[in-house]
Amino acid sequence: MAIYDNLPVYKTSYDLLLKIFIYFKDMNKEYKYTIGEKLKNETMELITNIYKANSVLKKENYIEKARENIEVIRLYIRLTKDLKQLSVVKFIEINENIEFISKQLSHWQNSL
């Protein structure tokens, strides 16, 4: 079993979480405590599911949950961009992380 914090998917997920905390700290109050908090919580749950998937023998359930997390995160990020809470440049940067995570989770799931 690999150490979870050396996994590329874990590292990228953690980078995504840091970007979300940094980019949304000045979010409009109207959205900060709704979409912003849900986005942070969903990303933390994603990281937790990646850790759990790496720690157990039956990984499928946790990988599937992580894939669901990343799709919800994708939705929230798009919503924040459409609400003009996120610049296009930052949106693209975050989406690159999301795509990498999504592909890694798909490959991980397919390898089982």
PDB file of N, CA and C in Angstrom:
ATOM      1  N   MET A   1       0.841  -1.182   0.000  1.00  0.00           N
ATOM      2  CA  MET A   1       0.000   0.000   0.000  1.00  0.00           C
ATOM      3  C   MET A   1       0.887   1.247   0.000  1.00  0.00           C
ATOM      4  N   ALA A   2       0.614   2.150  -0.914  1.00  0.00           N
ATOM      5  CA  ALA A   2       1.368   3.400  -1.002  1.00  0.00           C
ATOM      6  C   ALA A   2       0.947   4.339   0.123  1.00  0.00           C
ATOM      7  N   ILE A   3       1.845   5.178   0.511  1.00  0.00           N
ATOM      8  CA  ILE A   3       1.506   6.196   1.494  1.00  0.00           C
ATOM      9  C   ILE A   3       0.591   7.198   0.792  1.00  0.00           C
ATOM     10  N   TYR A   4      -0.558   7.471   1.406  1.00  0.00           N
ATOM     11  CA  TYR A   4      -1.593   8.258   0.743  1.00  0.00           C
ATOM     12  C   TYR A   4      -1.127   9.645   0.331  1.00  0.00           C
ATOM     13  N   ASP A   5      -0.265  10.295   1.106  1.00  0.00           N
ATOM     14  CA  ASP A   5       0.130  11.658   0.753  1.00  0.00           C
ATOM     15  C   ASP A   5       1.176  11.707  -0.359  1.00  0.00           C
ATOM     16  N   ASN A   6       1.618  10.540  -0.846  1.00  0.00           N
ATOM     17  CA  ASN A   6       2.498  10.499  -2.014  1.00  0.00           C
ATOM     18  C   ASN A   6       1.720  10.243  -3.303  1.00  0.00           C
ATOM     19  N   LEU A   7       0.442   9.937  -3.185  1.00  0.00           N
ATOM     20  CA  LEU A   7      -0.377   9.690  -4.374  1.00  0.00           C
ATOM     21  C   LEU A   7      -0.602  10.996  -5.141  1.00  0.00           C
ATOM     22  N   PRO A   8      -0.389  10.995  -6.454  1.00  0.00           N
ATOM     23  CA  PRO A   8      -0.639  12.213  -7.242  1.00  0.00           C
ATOM     24  C   PRO A   8      -2.075  12.723  -7.096  1.00  0.00           C
ATOM     25  N   VAL A   9      -3.040  11.810  -7.038  1.00  0.00           N
ATOM     26  CA  VAL A   9      -4.436  12.231  -6.911  1.00  0.00           C
ATOM     27  C   VAL A   9      -4.678  12.892  -5.555  1.00  0.00           C
ATOM     28  N   TYR A  10      -4.003  12.431  -4.518  1.00  0.00           N
ATOM     29  CA  TYR A  10      -4.132  13.044  -3.198  1.00  0.00           C
ATOM     30  C   TYR A  10      -3.488  14.429  -3.204  1.00  0.00           C
ATOM     31  N   LYS A  11      -2.287  14.524  -3.748  1.00  0.00           N
ATOM     32  CA  LYS A  11      -1.578  15.810  -3.797  1.00  0.00           C
ATOM     33  C   LYS A  11      -2.378  16.854  -4.570  1.00  0.00           C
ATOM     34  N   THR A  12      -2.924  16.461  -5.712  1.00  0.00           N
ATOM     35  CA  THR A  12      -3.700  17.396  -6.529  1.00  0.00           C
ATOM     36  C   THR A  12      -4.989  17.790  -5.823  1.00  0.00           C
ATOM     37  N   SER A  13      -5.606  16.858  -5.121  1.00  0.00           N
ATOM     38  CA  SER A  13      -6.822  17.167  -4.360  1.00  0.00           C
ATOM     39  C   SER A  13      -6.519  18.151  -3.238  1.00  0.00           C
ATOM     40  N   TYR A  14      -5.397  17.965  -2.587  1.00  0.00           N
ATOM     41  CA  TYR A  14      -4.995  18.875  -1.524  1.00  0.00           C
ATOM     42  C   TYR A  14      -4.701  20.267  -2.096  1.00  0.00           C
ATOM     43  N   ASP A  15      -4.027  20.315  -3.246  1.00  0.00           N
ATOM     44  CA  ASP A  15      -3.781  21.598  -3.922  1.00  0.00           C
ATOM     45  C   ASP A  15      -5.094  22.283  -4.280  1.00  0.00           C
ATOM     46  N   LEU A  16      -6.064  21.493  -4.718  1.00  0.00           N
ATOM     47  CA  LEU A  16      -7.385  22.031  -5.046  1.00  0.00           C
ATOM     48  C   LEU A  16      -8.027  22.643  -3.802  1.00  0.00           C
ATOM     49  N   LEU A  17      -7.939  21.957  -2.686  1.00  0.00           N
ATOM     50  CA  LEU A  17      -8.507  22.475  -1.440  1.00  0.00           C
ATOM     51  C   LEU A  17      -7.851  23.803  -1.050  1.00  0.00           C
ATOM     52  N   LEU A  18      -6.534  23.879  -1.159  1.00  0.00           N
ATOM     53  CA  LEU A  18      -5.836  25.129  -0.841  1.00  0.00           C
ATOM     54  C   LEU A  18      -6.291  26.267  -1.754  1.00  0.00           C
ATOM     55  N   LYS A  19      -6.408  25.983  -3.046  1.00  0.00           N
ATOM     56  CA  LYS A  19      -6.869  27.013  -3.989  1.00  0.00           C
ATOM     57  C   LYS A  19      -8.272  27.482  -3.632  1.00  0.00           C
ATOM     58  N   ILE A  20      -9.140  26.561  -3.267  1.00  0.00           N
ATOM     59  CA  ILE A  20     -10.509  26.931  -2.913  1.00  0.00           C
ATOM     60  C   ILE A  20     -10.508  27.837  -1.681  1.00  0.00           C
ATOM     61  N   PHE A  21      -9.717  27.515  -0.668  1.00  0.00           N
ATOM     62  CA  PHE A  21      -9.650  28.371   0.510  1.00  0.00           C
ATOM     63  C   PHE A  21      -9.098  29.748   0.163  1.00  0.00           C
ATOM     64  N   ILE A  22      -8.094  29.801  -0.679  1.00  0.00           N
ATOM     65  CA  ILE A  22      -7.472  31.077  -1.033  1.00  0.00           C
ATOM     66  C   ILE A  22      -8.380  31.906  -1.951  1.00  0.00           C
ATOM     67  N   TYR A  23      -8.905  31.289  -2.997  1.00  0.00           N
ATOM     68  CA  TYR A  23      -9.681  32.029  -3.999  1.00  0.00           C
ATOM     69  C   TYR A  23     -11.026  32.500  -3.473  1.00  0.00           C
ATOM     70  N   PHE A  24     -11.584  31.789  -2.509  1.00  0.00           N
ATOM     71  CA  PHE A  24     -12.931  32.132  -2.061  1.00  0.00           C
ATOM     72  C   PHE A  24     -12.978  32.818  -0.707  1.00  0.00           C
ATOM     73  N   LYS A  25     -11.831  33.217  -0.179  1.00  0.00           N
ATOM     74  CA  LYS A  25     -11.837  33.876   1.131  1.00  0.00           C
ATOM     75  C   LYS A  25     -12.518  35.240   1.069  1.00  0.00           C
ATOM     76  N   ASP A  26     -12.496  35.893  -0.074  1.00  0.00           N
ATOM     77  CA  ASP A  26     -13.143  37.199  -0.226  1.00  0.00           C
ATOM     78  C   ASP A  26     -14.447  37.108  -1.014  1.00  0.00           C
ATOM     79  N   MET A  27     -15.036  35.945  -1.028  1.00  0.00           N
ATOM     80  CA  MET A  27     -16.289  35.724  -1.741  1.00  0.00           C
ATOM     81  C   MET A  27     -17.391  36.595  -1.141  1.00  0.00           C
ATOM     82  N   ASN A  28     -18.320  37.018  -1.954  1.00  0.00           N
ATOM     83  CA  ASN A  28     -19.473  37.785  -1.513  1.00  0.00           C
ATOM     84  C   ASN A  28     -20.165  37.046  -0.369  1.00  0.00           C
ATOM     85  N   LYS A  29     -20.536  37.759   0.685  1.00  0.00           N
ATOM     86  CA  LYS A  29     -21.157  37.141   1.862  1.00  0.00           C
ATOM     87  C   LYS A  29     -22.395  36.319   1.507  1.00  0.00           C
ATOM     88  N   GLU A  30     -23.102  36.764   0.499  1.00  0.00           N
ATOM     89  CA  GLU A  30     -24.323  36.064   0.087  1.00  0.00           C
ATOM     90  C   GLU A  30     -24.041  34.613  -0.300  1.00  0.00           C
ATOM     91  N   TYR A  31     -22.839  34.356  -0.831  1.00  0.00           N
ATOM     92  CA  TYR A  31     -22.486  33.021  -1.304  1.00  0.00           C
ATOM     93  C   TYR A  31     -21.454  32.319  -0.419  1.00  0.00           C
ATOM     94  N   LYS A  32     -20.728  33.100   0.366  1.00  0.00           N
ATOM     95  CA  LYS A  32     -19.611  32.560   1.153  1.00  0.00           C
ATOM     96  C   LYS A  32     -20.044  31.451   2.111  1.00  0.00           C
ATOM     97  N   TYR A  33     -21.181  31.625   2.749  1.00  0.00           N
ATOM     98  CA  TYR A  33     -21.604  30.664   3.771  1.00  0.00           C
ATOM     99  C   TYR A  33     -22.572  29.619   3.224  1.00  0.00           C
ATOM    100  N   THR A  34     -22.835  29.668   1.957  1.00  0.00           N
ATOM    101  CA  THR A  34     -23.669  28.626   1.334  1.00  0.00           C
ATOM    102  C   THR A  34     -22.799  27.822   0.376  1.00  0.00           C
ATOM    103  N   ILE A  35     -22.598  28.347  -0.812  1.00  0.00           N
ATOM    104  CA  ILE A  35     -21.811  27.644  -1.826  1.00  0.00           C
ATOM    105  C   ILE A  35     -20.364  27.467  -1.364  1.00  0.00           C
ATOM    106  N   GLY A  36     -19.779  28.497  -0.787  1.00  0.00           N
ATOM    107  CA  GLY A  36     -18.386  28.445  -0.365  1.00  0.00           C
ATOM    108  C   GLY A  36     -18.132  27.346   0.652  1.00  0.00           C
ATOM    109  N   GLU A  37     -18.975  27.260   1.662  1.00  0.00           N
ATOM    110  CA  GLU A  37     -18.804  26.230   2.695  1.00  0.00           C
ATOM    111  C   GLU A  37     -19.052  24.835   2.137  1.00  0.00           C
ATOM    112  N   LYS A  38     -20.065  24.708   1.289  1.00  0.00           N
ATOM    113  CA  LYS A  38     -20.346  23.399   0.686  1.00  0.00           C
ATOM    114  C   LYS A  38     -19.183  22.947  -0.193  1.00  0.00           C
ATOM    115  N   LEU A  39     -18.597  23.879  -0.903  1.00  0.00           N
ATOM    116  CA  LEU A  39     -17.454  23.574  -1.766  1.00  0.00           C
ATOM    117  C   LEU A  39     -16.258  23.097  -0.940  1.00  0.00           C
ATOM    118  N   LYS A  40     -15.977  23.784   0.150  1.00  0.00           N
ATOM    119  CA  LYS A  40     -14.879  23.385   1.033  1.00  0.00           C
ATOM    120  C   LYS A  40     -15.140  22.005   1.638  1.00  0.00           C
ATOM    121  N   ASN A  41     -16.355  21.793   2.129  1.00  0.00           N
ATOM    122  CA  ASN A  41     -16.694  20.512   2.750  1.00  0.00           C
ATOM    123  C   ASN A  41     -16.636  19.365   1.746  1.00  0.00           C
ATOM    124  N   GLU A  42     -17.119  19.589   0.548  1.00  0.00           N
ATOM    125  CA  GLU A  42     -17.101  18.554  -0.484  1.00  0.00           C
ATOM    126  C   GLU A  42     -15.666  18.193  -0.864  1.00  0.00           C
ATOM    127  N   THR A  43     -14.801  19.190  -0.928  1.00  0.00           N
ATOM    128  CA  THR A  43     -13.401  18.939  -1.261  1.00  0.00           C
ATOM    129  C   THR A  43     -12.696  18.195  -0.133  1.00  0.00           C
ATOM    130  N   MET A  44     -13.004  18.530   1.102  1.00  0.00           N
ATOM    131  CA  MET A  44     -12.420  17.797   2.229  1.00  0.00           C
ATOM    132  C   MET A  44     -12.921  16.358   2.250  1.00  0.00           C
ATOM    133  N   GLU A  45     -14.174  16.158   1.895  1.00  0.00           N
ATOM    134  CA  GLU A  45     -14.718  14.800   1.817  1.00  0.00           C
ATOM    135  C   GLU A  45     -14.042  14.014   0.691  1.00  0.00           C
ATOM    136  N   LEU A  46     -13.752  14.677  -0.416  1.00  0.00           N
ATOM    137  CA  LEU A  46     -13.023  14.043  -1.522  1.00  0.00           C
ATOM    138  C   LEU A  46     -11.677  13.525  -1.025  1.00  0.00           C
ATOM    139  N   ILE A  47     -10.937  14.360  -0.343  1.00  0.00           N
ATOM    140  CA  ILE A  47      -9.618  13.970   0.168  1.00  0.00           C
ATOM    141  C   ILE A  47      -9.745  12.815   1.160  1.00  0.00           C
ATOM    142  N   THR A  48     -10.754  12.873   1.995  1.00  0.00           N
ATOM    143  CA  THR A  48     -10.985  11.791   2.961  1.00  0.00           C
ATOM    144  C   THR A  48     -11.280  10.473   2.250  1.00  0.00           C
ATOM    145  N   ASN A  49     -12.090  10.520   1.196  1.00  0.00           N
ATOM    146  CA  ASN A  49     -12.409   9.301   0.449  1.00  0.00           C
ATOM    147  C   ASN A  49     -11.190   8.744  -0.277  1.00  0.00           C
ATOM    148  N   ILE A  50     -10.323   9.610  -0.756  1.00  0.00           N
ATOM    149  CA  ILE A  50      -9.084   9.148  -1.396  1.00  0.00           C
ATOM    150  C   ILE A  50      -8.202   8.460  -0.355  1.00  0.00           C
ATOM    151  N   TYR A  51      -8.088   9.059   0.807  1.00  0.00           N
ATOM    152  CA  TYR A  51      -7.306   8.446   1.889  1.00  0.00           C
ATOM    153  C   TYR A  51      -7.875   7.068   2.243  1.00  0.00           C
ATOM    154  N   LYS A  52      -9.194   6.992   2.420  1.00  0.00           N
ATOM    155  CA  LYS A  52      -9.826   5.731   2.798  1.00  0.00           C
ATOM    156  C   LYS A  52      -9.659   4.675   1.707  1.00  0.00           C
ATOM    157  N   ALA A  53      -9.792   5.086   0.448  1.00  0.00           N
ATOM    158  CA  ALA A  53      -9.639   4.138  -0.660  1.00  0.00           C
ATOM    159  C   ALA A  53      -8.243   3.540  -0.669  1.00  0.00           C
ATOM    160  N   ASN A  54      -7.274   4.321  -0.304  1.00  0.00           N
ATOM    161  CA  ASN A  54      -5.898   3.842  -0.286  1.00  0.00           C
ATOM    162  C   ASN A  54      -5.594   2.985   0.944  1.00  0.00           C
ATOM    163  N   SER A  55      -6.438   3.071   1.955  1.00  0.00           N
ATOM    164  CA  SER A  55      -6.174   2.396   3.226  1.00  0.00           C
ATOM    165  C   SER A  55      -6.861   1.038   3.376  1.00  0.00           C
ATOM    166  N   VAL A  56      -7.810   0.730   2.515  1.00  0.00           N
ATOM    167  CA  VAL A  56      -8.578  -0.509   2.668  1.00  0.00           C
ATOM    168  C   VAL A  56      -8.379  -1.423   1.471  1.00  0.00           C
ATOM    169  N   LEU A  57      -8.758  -2.671   1.641  1.00  0.00           N
ATOM    170  CA  LEU A  57      -8.658  -3.627   0.534  1.00  0.00           C
ATOM    171  C   LEU A  57      -9.779  -3.442  -0.478  1.00  0.00           C
ATOM    172  N   LYS A  58     -10.986  -3.171  -0.004  1.00  0.00           N
ATOM    173  CA  LYS A  58     -12.134  -2.962  -0.899  1.00  0.00           C
ATOM    174  C   LYS A  58     -12.250  -1.469  -1.199  1.00  0.00           C
ATOM    175  N   LYS A  59     -11.587  -1.050  -2.241  1.00  0.00           N
ATOM    176  CA  LYS A  59     -11.452   0.363  -2.578  1.00  0.00           C
ATOM    177  C   LYS A  59     -12.627   0.922  -3.383  1.00  0.00           C
ATOM    178  N   GLU A  60     -13.359   0.056  -4.056  1.00  0.00           N
ATOM    179  CA  GLU A  60     -14.353   0.484  -5.040  1.00  0.00           C
ATOM    180  C   GLU A  60     -15.346   1.501  -4.496  1.00  0.00           C
ATOM    181  N   ASN A  61     -15.866   1.241  -3.291  1.00  0.00           N
ATOM    182  CA  ASN A  61     -16.880   2.120  -2.716  1.00  0.00           C
ATOM    183  C   ASN A  61     -16.333   3.524  -2.478  1.00  0.00           C
ATOM    184  N   TYR A  62     -15.129   3.622  -1.944  1.00  0.00           N
ATOM    185  CA  TYR A  62     -14.539   4.934  -1.662  1.00  0.00           C
ATOM    186  C   TYR A  62     -14.141   5.667  -2.936  1.00  0.00           C
ATOM    187  N   ILE A  63     -13.685   4.934  -3.929  1.00  0.00           N
ATOM    188  CA  ILE A  63     -13.350   5.575  -5.207  1.00  0.00           C
ATOM    189  C   ILE A  63     -14.613   6.121  -5.858  1.00  0.00           C
ATOM    190  N   GLU A  64     -15.692   5.355  -5.792  1.00  0.00           N
ATOM    191  CA  GLU A  64     -16.967   5.824  -6.351  1.00  0.00           C
ATOM    192  C   GLU A  64     -17.454   7.078  -5.620  1.00  0.00           C
ATOM    193  N   LYS A  65     -17.325   7.093  -4.308  1.00  0.00           N
ATOM    194  CA  LYS A  65     -17.710   8.287  -3.539  1.00  0.00           C
ATOM    195  C   LYS A  65     -16.836   9.477  -3.924  1.00  0.00           C
ATOM    196  N   ALA A  66     -15.552   9.248  -4.110  1.00  0.00           N
ATOM    197  CA  ALA A  66     -14.639  10.327  -4.510  1.00  0.00           C
ATOM    198  C   ALA A  66     -15.020  10.860  -5.889  1.00  0.00           C
ATOM    199  N   ARG A  67     -15.405   9.966  -6.797  1.00  0.00           N
ATOM    200  CA  ARG A  67     -15.831  10.410  -8.128  1.00  0.00           C
ATOM    201  C   ARG A  67     -17.108  11.239  -8.050  1.00  0.00           C
ATOM    202  N   GLU A  68     -17.994  10.879  -7.132  1.00  0.00           N
ATOM    203  CA  GLU A  68     -19.204  11.692  -6.925  1.00  0.00           C
ATOM    204  C   GLU A  68     -18.815  13.059  -6.350  1.00  0.00           C
ATOM    205  N   ASN A  69     -17.881  13.067  -5.403  1.00  0.00           N
ATOM    206  CA  ASN A  69     -17.418  14.332  -4.823  1.00  0.00           C
ATOM    207  C   ASN A  69     -16.877  15.262  -5.892  1.00  0.00           C
ATOM    208  N   ILE A  70     -16.070  14.729  -6.799  1.00  0.00           N
ATOM    209  CA  ILE A  70     -15.432  15.587  -7.803  1.00  0.00           C
ATOM    210  C   ILE A  70     -16.469  16.169  -8.764  1.00  0.00           C
ATOM    211  N   GLU A  71     -17.530  15.423  -9.038  1.00  0.00           N
ATOM    212  CA  GLU A  71     -18.582  15.955  -9.921  1.00  0.00           C
ATOM    213  C   GLU A  71     -19.371  17.063  -9.232  1.00  0.00           C
ATOM    214  N   VAL A  72     -19.629  16.912  -7.943  1.00  0.00           N
ATOM    215  CA  VAL A  72     -20.316  17.967  -7.184  1.00  0.00           C
ATOM    216  C   VAL A  72     -19.434  19.213  -7.115  1.00  0.00           C
ATOM    217  N   ILE A  73     -18.141  19.014  -6.891  1.00  0.00           N
ATOM    218  CA  ILE A  73     -17.198  20.133  -6.865  1.00  0.00           C
ATOM    219  C   ILE A  73     -17.202  20.850  -8.209  1.00  0.00           C
ATOM    220  N   ARG A  74     -17.202  20.081  -9.288  1.00  0.00           N
ATOM    221  CA  ARG A  74     -17.236  20.662 -10.638  1.00  0.00           C
ATOM    222  C   ARG A  74     -18.469  21.558 -10.806  1.00  0.00           C
ATOM    223  N   LEU A  75     -19.612  21.098 -10.311  1.00  0.00           N
ATOM    224  CA  LEU A  75     -20.854  21.872 -10.387  1.00  0.00           C
ATOM    225  C   LEU A  75     -20.746  23.168  -9.589  1.00  0.00           C
ATOM    226  N   TYR A  76     -20.253  23.079  -8.349  1.00  0.00           N
ATOM    227  CA  TYR A  76     -20.116  24.275  -7.509  1.00  0.00           C
ATOM    228  C   TYR A  76     -19.145  25.285  -8.121  1.00  0.00           C
ATOM    229  N   ILE A  77     -18.064  24.804  -8.686  1.00  0.00           N
ATOM    230  CA  ILE A  77     -17.078  25.708  -9.302  1.00  0.00           C
ATOM    231  C   ILE A  77     -17.705  26.428 -10.487  1.00  0.00           C
ATOM    232  N   ARG A  78     -18.432  25.694 -11.299  1.00  0.00           N
ATOM    233  CA  ARG A  78     -19.095  26.336 -12.446  1.00  0.00           C
ATOM    234  C   ARG A  78     -20.101  27.374 -11.969  1.00  0.00           C
ATOM    235  N   LEU A  79     -20.847  27.041 -10.925  1.00  0.00           N
ATOM    236  CA  LEU A  79     -21.819  27.977 -10.379  1.00  0.00           C
ATOM    237  C   LEU A  79     -21.145  29.246  -9.867  1.00  0.00           C
ATOM    238  N   THR A  80     -20.024  29.098  -9.164  1.00  0.00           N
ATOM    239  CA  THR A  80     -19.327  30.287  -8.656  1.00  0.00           C
ATOM    240  C   THR A  80     -18.812  31.165  -9.793  1.00  0.00           C
ATOM    241  N   LYS A  81     -18.373  30.545 -10.884  1.00  0.00           N
ATOM    242  CA  LYS A  81     -17.938  31.338 -12.039  1.00  0.00           C
ATOM    243  C   LYS A  81     -19.119  32.076 -12.645  1.00  0.00           C
ATOM    244  N   ASP A  82     -20.245  31.380 -12.800  1.00  0.00           N
ATOM    245  CA  ASP A  82     -21.436  32.010 -13.385  1.00  0.00           C
ATOM    246  C   ASP A  82     -21.993  33.128 -12.506  1.00  0.00           C
ATOM    247  N   LEU A  83     -21.772  33.026 -11.198  1.00  0.00           N
ATOM    248  CA  LEU A  83     -22.202  34.077 -10.270  1.00  0.00           C
ATOM    249  C   LEU A  83     -21.151  35.176 -10.123  1.00  0.00           C
ATOM    250  N   LYS A  84     -20.105  35.082 -10.939  1.00  0.00           N
ATOM    251  CA  LYS A  84     -19.022  36.060 -10.969  1.00  0.00           C
ATOM    252  C   LYS A  84     -18.276  36.162  -9.632  1.00  0.00           C
ATOM    253  N   GLN A  85     -18.105  35.013  -8.989  1.00  0.00           N
ATOM    254  CA  GLN A  85     -17.341  34.936  -7.749  1.00  0.00           C
ATOM    255  C   GLN A  85     -15.947  34.373  -7.996  1.00  0.00           C
ATOM    256  N   LEU A  86     -15.689  34.011  -9.256  1.00  0.00           N
ATOM    257  CA  LEU A  86     -14.428  33.394  -9.633  1.00  0.00           C
ATOM    258  C   LEU A  86     -14.065  33.874 -11.033  1.00  0.00           C
ATOM    259  N   SER A  87     -12.837  34.341 -11.202  1.00  0.00           N
ATOM    260  CA  SER A  87     -12.400  34.817 -12.515  1.00  0.00           C
ATOM    261  C   SER A  87     -12.230  33.643 -13.472  1.00  0.00           C
ATOM    262  N   VAL A  88     -12.234  33.939 -14.747  1.00  0.00           N
ATOM    263  CA  VAL A  88     -12.081  32.905 -15.766  1.00  0.00           C
ATOM    264  C   VAL A  88     -10.714  32.220 -15.628  1.00  0.00           C
ATOM    265  N   VAL A  89      -9.678  32.990 -15.337  1.00  0.00           N
ATOM    266  CA  VAL A  89      -8.331  32.428 -15.189  1.00  0.00           C
ATOM    267  C   VAL A  89      -8.298  31.435 -14.031  1.00  0.00           C
ATOM    268  N   LYS A  90      -8.857  31.805 -12.896  1.00  0.00           N
ATOM    269  CA  LYS A  90      -8.885  30.920 -11.741  1.00  0.00           C
ATOM    270  C   LYS A  90      -9.796  29.719 -12.003  1.00  0.00           C
ATOM    271  N   PHE A  91     -10.888  29.946 -12.724  1.00  0.00           N
ATOM    272  CA  PHE A  91     -11.796  28.860 -13.099  1.00  0.00           C
ATOM    273  C   PHE A  91     -11.064  27.807 -13.927  1.00  0.00           C
ATOM    274  N   ILE A  92     -10.286  28.251 -14.885  1.00  0.00           N
ATOM    275  CA  ILE A  92      -9.524  27.330 -15.726  1.00  0.00           C
ATOM    276  C   ILE A  92      -8.486  26.581 -14.891  1.00  0.00           C
ATOM    277  N   GLU A  93      -7.803  27.304 -14.031  1.00  0.00           N
ATOM    278  CA  GLU A  93      -6.784  26.690 -13.180  1.00  0.00           C
ATOM    279  C   GLU A  93      -7.387  25.595 -12.287  1.00  0.00           C
ATOM    280  N   ILE A  94      -8.522  25.896 -11.670  1.00  0.00           N
ATOM    281  CA  ILE A  94      -9.192  24.915 -10.811  1.00  0.00           C
ATOM    282  C   ILE A  94      -9.697  23.737 -11.641  1.00  0.00           C
ATOM    283  N   ASN A  95     -10.227  24.026 -12.815  1.00  0.00           N
ATOM    284  CA  ASN A  95     -10.744  22.947 -13.659  1.00  0.00           C
ATOM    285  C   ASN A  95      -9.647  22.005 -14.142  1.00  0.00           C
ATOM    286  N   GLU A  96      -8.441  22.500 -14.303  1.00  0.00           N
ATOM    287  CA  GLU A  96      -7.318  21.622 -14.654  1.00  0.00           C
ATOM    288  C   GLU A  96      -7.070  20.620 -13.526  1.00  0.00           C
ATOM    289  N   ASN A  97      -7.143  21.092 -12.284  1.00  0.00           N
ATOM    290  CA  ASN A  97      -7.007  20.194 -11.135  1.00  0.00           C
ATOM    291  C   ASN A  97      -8.147  19.168 -11.118  1.00  0.00           C
ATOM    292  N   ILE A  98      -9.349  19.646 -11.336  1.00  0.00           N
ATOM    293  CA  ILE A  98     -10.520  18.764 -11.323  1.00  0.00           C
ATOM    294  C   ILE A  98     -10.395  17.679 -12.392  1.00  0.00           C
ATOM    295  N   GLU A  99      -9.973  18.063 -13.584  1.00  0.00           N
ATOM    296  CA  GLU A  99      -9.819  17.083 -14.668  1.00  0.00           C
ATOM    297  C   GLU A  99      -8.765  16.045 -14.330  1.00  0.00           C
ATOM    298  N   PHE A 100      -7.649  16.481 -13.777  1.00  0.00           N
ATOM    299  CA  PHE A 100      -6.592  15.544 -13.401  1.00  0.00           C
ATOM    300  C   PHE A 100      -7.101  14.554 -12.351  1.00  0.00           C
ATOM    301  N   ILE A 101      -7.787  15.064 -11.342  1.00  0.00           N
ATOM    302  CA  ILE A 101      -8.321  14.211 -10.275  1.00  0.00           C
ATOM    303  C   ILE A 101      -9.332  13.226 -10.853  1.00  0.00           C
ATOM    304  N   SER A 102     -10.217  13.714 -11.687  1.00  0.00           N
ATOM    305  CA  SER A 102     -11.241  12.863 -12.290  1.00  0.00           C
ATOM    306  C   SER A 102     -10.621  11.737 -13.117  1.00  0.00           C
ATOM    307  N   LYS A 103      -9.613  12.056 -13.906  1.00  0.00           N
ATOM    308  CA  LYS A 103      -8.943  11.037 -14.718  1.00  0.00           C
ATOM    309  C   LYS A 103      -8.217  10.025 -13.843  1.00  0.00           C
ATOM    310  N   GLN A 104      -7.548  10.502 -12.800  1.00  0.00           N
ATOM    311  CA  GLN A 104      -6.833   9.598 -11.907  1.00  0.00           C
ATOM    312  C   GLN A 104      -7.794   8.643 -11.202  1.00  0.00           C
ATOM    313  N   LEU A 105      -8.930   9.164 -10.758  1.00  0.00           N
ATOM    314  CA  LEU A 105      -9.918   8.316 -10.096  1.00  0.00           C
ATOM    315  C   LEU A 105     -10.492   7.290 -11.068  1.00  0.00           C
ATOM    316  N   SER A 106     -10.725   7.705 -12.298  1.00  0.00           N
ATOM    317  CA  SER A 106     -11.233   6.769 -13.316  1.00  0.00           C
ATOM    318  C   SER A 106     -10.231   5.658 -13.587  1.00  0.00           C
ATOM    319  N   HIS A 107      -8.971   6.029 -13.731  1.00  0.00           N
ATOM    320  CA  HIS A 107      -7.930   5.019 -13.973  1.00  0.00           C
ATOM    321  C   HIS A 107      -7.795   4.071 -12.777  1.00  0.00           C
ATOM    322  N   TRP A 108      -7.868   4.636 -11.590  1.00  0.00           N
ATOM    323  CA  TRP A 108      -7.765   3.835 -10.375  1.00  0.00           C
ATOM    324  C   TRP A 108      -8.925   2.835 -10.319  1.00  0.00           C
ATOM    325  N   GLN A 109     -10.123   3.318 -10.615  1.00  0.00           N
ATOM    326  CA  GLN A 109     -11.298   2.452 -10.594  1.00  0.00           C
ATOM    327  C   GLN A 109     -11.199   1.361 -11.672  1.00  0.00           C
ATOM    328  N   ASN A 110     -10.743   1.712 -12.843  1.00  0.00           N
ATOM    329  CA  ASN A 110     -10.630   0.751 -13.931  1.00  0.00           C
ATOM    330  C   ASN A 110      -9.553  -0.293 -13.670  1.00  0.00           C
ATOM    331  N   SER A 111      -8.549   0.068 -12.891  1.00  0.00           N
ATOM    332  CA  SER A 111      -7.471  -0.874 -12.604  1.00  0.00           C
ATOM    333  C   SER A 111      -7.894  -1.960 -11.608  1.00  0.00           C
ATOM    334  N   LEU A 112      -9.017  -1.737 -10.948  1.00  0.00           N
ATOM    335  CA  LEU A 112      -9.493  -2.732  -9.974  1.00  0.00           C
ATOM    336  C   LEU A 112     -10.214  -3.799 -10.696  1.00  0.00           C
TER     337      LEU A 112
END
